[in-house]
């Protein structure tokens, strides 16, 4: 008679399959371990493997060097742990069966069988095939995967929730934003309505990287960067806000790299930063000198001309005032970050170079996502502060340029990025980050900040893992 199914084989099979499936889902969907399709297998293993998983994650959260070793050790020792549990279950089942048999037939001889088992057939008999254990383990893991995928399916839209968001910009009416959202190795632009959180793709590109979007003053067009492959230099594209009519501004540039495109105040030109490179005749990403200037071109990609001749060092994202007269960018120095404001009609010297100071700042001040207000009178930025209770704590500040006064607009954000201010200077959006996997923050959520009342509203963007 076939040997009964044994837990000592079934349990480790389930663990090993579930462990491999968990990492497979994490790799395929590129979403946080505890907040994506891999979440259900992860929590099952994490809880069932205590205290092994507790020790493993203690190492993974505190050590980059030994993180991979700890992850592998978790799988190996967890599987062995389930094997030990399976043996214990088998022993209890055998004891129960023997006890039950003796109660029913106390005169049974030593060699009598109990439910088809004899002392010789328990552990010392020839090992049978374990097809039933494999089938049950595979079926159980498959069911968990189906449940996990179904819980992350984005309803009637029929797509899985995508990854992290970045490159946020306001529409002229202030009621919606355009942002870049990752999806595997690609990233695409989405239009998001702020009051509902509904999102929709701008283009129909199947792959590639879309980034650095900006609206035209009338809100009818969008300019952005697109690279079909990660090894290619991004090119400037213009499209209608409904996604139609997308076309490149220039033919492939062989000696330059163009970044951070923006419409001029009258909507007739495109401003952009141009980095001179040493590449000749190739679209692949070349070594760059990191010296750049502001250029402009009309909407046909003609009449290209330099607006500055400063050969600025160290490119950073540019911020323009709404009238197109001022630009702001940041640089790093030995004493920390510096902010620079230039007038485009007088670009020979900066109008202002400054280093704002906030309470409890680090020894080397840092400014994230600095931007000019619409009228060019204020500068908004994120700056980190130090403290014993938080490793990362970035807050939003407003600097009034006329008198250098600084106002703190938020409190205790933790790690925050991607600050953007609306064209009417009434609202701002930014991302707060949390740690769901690994030792660094890797999961973001967007917040809307009322600049008058300083009230914060979380924005749940549909289709985005937050």
Foldseek 3Di string as FASTA:
>chain_A
DDDDAFQLLLQLLLLLVLLVVLVVQCQQFVAFSCFALSNQSVVVLCVQQPPLNVVLVVCQQPDPVCNVVSSVVSSVVSSVVSSVVRVVVLVVVVVVQVVVVCVVPVPDDQQDAGVNDHPCRRPPDDDDDNPVSNVVSVVVSVVSSVVSQVVQAQPPVGDGFFEDKAQWAAQQVRQWIWIWTHGNVEIFIWIAGFVALEIDGQADDPGWYWHQWEAFNVRQKIWTWTDRDPQFQTFIWMATSNNPPIDTLDDQDFFWGWDNWYAALVRFKIKIKIWGHDGGPDRTDGDTPQFIFIWMAGSNNPPIDTLDDPRDHHDDHWAAANNRQKIKDWDADPQAIKIFIAGSVGRPDTPDIDDADDPQADSHWYWAPWYAANHRQKIKTWTFHDDPPAPTFIFIWIAGNVVRDIDTLDGGLGHKHRWYAHNVRQKIKIWRFDDSGGNDTGHIWMWIAGRPVSDIDTRDNRSHRD
